[in-house]
Amino acid sequence: MAQLPKNKKVILFDGVCNLCDGAVQFIIKHDKKDVFRYASLQSELGKELVAERGMDPDEIDSIMLIEPGVAYYRKSTAALEIARDLSGGYSLLKNFLFIPEVMRDGIYDFIANNRYKWFGKKKQCMIPTPELKAKFLD
């Protein structure tokens, strides 16, 4: 079982997706309380964390938020739960949790299914700068 940092929430993201990379950069910028740590879905740790939750790592292509010892969230619910901890008024986005998940995930899936076409894809996962490296899990 993977050892996760205590008192940190882990965001698993598509490491080759330009939209996802932009989202991670946005989260880092607005994570003033240093709540989150990051790992790509393509990393060994990412695959292990997905498998530990009973899912096929090759089938997951959406963002996942893991609150160690509490719960995990996927797709639109993960995005809104992440927003809950961001500075700058973004925490208000959590209020969209009242919208039925099937509706939110329908919109999420539409964007996710077109993300490479609209935003492009990298040949490899993002390499964080030395000052950001501590936020990324191996």
Protein backbone atom coordinates (compact mmCIF):
# COMPACT_ATOMS: atom_id res chain seq x y z
CA MET A 1 0.00 0.00 0.00
CA ALA A 2 1.35 3.42 -0.99
CA GLN A 3 2.49 5.72 1.80
CA LEU A 4 0.91 9.12 1.40
CA PRO A 5 1.84 12.30 3.23
CA LYS A 6 -0.22 12.87 6.33
CA ASN A 7 -2.60 15.85 6.32
CA LYS A 8 -2.24 16.33 2.54
CA LYS A 9 -4.76 15.61 -0.18
CA VAL A 10 -3.39 13.96 -3.31
CA ILE A 11 -4.41 14.99 -6.80
CA LEU A 12 -3.89 12.44 -9.56
CA PHE A 13 -3.93 13.99 -13.02
CA ASP A 14 -3.21 13.15 -16.65
CA GLY A 15 0.46 14.09 -16.88
CA VAL A 16 0.55 14.43 -20.67
CA CYS A 17 -2.57 16.60 -21.03
CA ASN A 18 -1.98 20.32 -21.55
CA LEU A 19 -5.35 21.21 -19.98
CA CYS A 20 -4.55 19.08 -16.93
CA ASP A 21 -1.08 20.63 -16.63
CA GLY A 22 -2.66 24.08 -16.70
CA ALA A 23 -5.16 23.01 -14.04
CA VAL A 24 -2.36 21.74 -11.78
CA GLN A 25 -0.45 25.01 -12.22
CA PHE A 26 -3.64 26.91 -11.36
CA ILE A 27 -4.22 24.78 -8.24
CA ILE A 28 -0.63 25.25 -7.08
CA LYS A 29 -0.97 29.02 -7.46
CA HIS A 30 -4.20 29.11 -5.43
CA ASP A 31 -3.24 26.49 -2.82
CA LYS A 32 -2.21 29.08 -0.24
CA LYS A 33 -2.67 26.63 2.67
CA ASP A 34 -0.42 23.99 1.02
CA VAL A 35 -3.18 21.36 1.11
CA PHE A 36 -2.31 19.36 -2.01
CA ARG A 37 0.33 17.01 -3.35
CA TYR A 38 0.39 15.74 -6.94
CA ALA A 39 1.14 12.61 -8.94
CA SER A 40 0.40 11.81 -12.55
CA LEU A 41 -1.90 8.95 -13.45
CA GLN A 42 0.93 7.61 -15.63
CA SER A 43 3.40 7.35 -12.72
CA GLU A 44 3.91 4.11 -10.81
CA LEU A 45 2.49 5.76 -7.69
CA GLY A 46 -0.53 7.03 -9.61
CA LYS A 47 -1.23 3.57 -11.00
CA GLU A 48 -0.82 2.03 -7.55
CA LEU A 49 -3.19 4.53 -5.92
CA VAL A 50 -5.85 3.93 -8.57
CA ALA A 51 -5.51 0.14 -8.27
CA GLU A 52 -5.75 0.36 -4.44
CA ARG A 53 -9.18 1.92 -4.93
CA GLY A 54 -10.34 -1.04 -7.00
CA MET A 55 -10.11 0.58 -10.42
CA ASP A 56 -8.14 -0.30 -13.52
CA PRO A 57 -5.32 2.27 -13.90
CA ASP A 58 -5.56 1.96 -17.69
CA GLU A 59 -9.24 2.93 -17.59
CA ILE A 60 -8.87 6.11 -15.51
CA ASP A 61 -8.39 9.25 -17.56
CA SER A 62 -9.91 11.81 -15.24
CA ILE A 63 -8.71 13.79 -12.28
CA MET A 64 -8.87 12.02 -8.95
CA LEU A 65 -8.63 13.54 -5.48
CA ILE A 66 -7.58 11.29 -2.61
CA GLU A 67 -8.07 12.34 1.00
CA PRO A 68 -5.97 9.70 2.77
CA GLY A 69 -8.00 7.79 5.32
CA VAL A 70 -11.21 9.61 4.31
CA ALA A 71 -12.37 9.21 0.72
CA TYR A 72 -11.55 9.63 -2.93
CA TYR A 73 -13.36 11.60 -5.61
CA ARG A 74 -13.32 11.54 -9.40
CA LYS A 75 -14.31 13.77 -12.28
CA SER A 76 -16.49 16.79 -11.47
CA THR A 77 -16.77 15.91 -7.78
CA ALA A 78 -12.96 15.87 -7.50
CA ALA A 79 -12.73 19.26 -9.22
CA LEU A 80 -15.31 20.81 -6.90
CA GLU A 81 -13.75 19.24 -3.79
CA ILE A 82 -10.38 20.67 -4.86
CA ALA A 83 -11.96 24.10 -5.32
CA ARG A 84 -13.18 23.92 -1.71
CA ASP A 85 -9.57 24.39 -0.52
CA LEU A 86 -8.45 27.10 -2.97
CA SER A 87 -7.98 30.76 -2.15
CA GLY A 88 -9.46 33.69 -4.04
CA GLY A 89 -13.15 32.86 -3.85
CA TYR A 90 -12.77 29.60 -5.79
CA SER A 91 -14.02 27.73 -2.72
CA LEU A 92 -17.50 29.00 -3.66
CA LEU A 93 -17.49 26.55 -6.58
CA LYS A 94 -18.19 23.79 -4.04
CA ASN A 95 -21.78 25.07 -4.09
CA PHE A 96 -22.19 23.38 -7.49
CA LEU A 97 -22.12 20.02 -5.68
CA PHE A 98 -25.91 20.35 -5.42
CA ILE A 99 -26.18 19.71 -9.18
CA PRO A 100 -26.69 15.97 -9.74
CA GLU A 101 -23.40 14.20 -10.37
CA VAL A 102 -24.67 12.62 -13.58
CA MET A 103 -25.22 16.10 -15.06
CA ARG A 104 -21.89 17.48 -13.83
CA ASP A 105 -20.01 14.42 -15.05
CA GLY A 106 -21.70 14.65 -18.44
CA ILE A 107 -20.16 18.09 -18.94
CA TYR A 108 -16.88 16.90 -17.43
CA ASP A 109 -16.75 13.89 -19.77
CA PHE A 110 -17.48 16.04 -22.82
CA ILE A 111 -14.49 18.25 -22.02
CA ALA A 112 -12.29 15.30 -21.01
CA ASN A 113 -13.08 13.40 -24.20
CA ASN A 114 -12.00 16.39 -26.30
CA ARG A 115 -9.11 17.69 -24.19
CA TYR A 116 -6.30 16.43 -26.43
CA LYS A 117 -8.01 17.76 -29.55
CA TRP A 118 -8.69 21.18 -28.01
CA PHE A 119 -5.63 21.68 -25.78
CA GLY A 120 -3.01 19.26 -27.10
CA LYS A 121 -0.89 16.57 -25.56
CA LYS A 122 2.72 16.40 -24.37
CA LYS A 123 5.16 13.66 -25.18
CA GLN A 124 6.00 13.26 -21.48
CA CYS A 125 4.75 14.28 -18.08
CA MET A 126 5.47 17.75 -16.75
CA ILE A 127 8.83 18.14 -15.05
CA PRO A 128 8.33 20.43 -12.06
CA THR A 129 10.78 23.20 -11.26
CA PRO A 130 13.07 22.53 -8.29
CA GLU A 131 10.95 24.73 -6.00
CA LEU A 132 7.77 22.81 -6.94
CA LYS A 133 9.35 19.33 -6.85
CA ALA A 134 8.46 18.87 -3.16
CA LYS A 135 4.76 19.07 -4.06
CA PHE A 136 5.00 16.11 -6.44
CA LEU A 137 5.05 12.55 -5.16
CA ASP A 138 7.27 9.86 -6.65
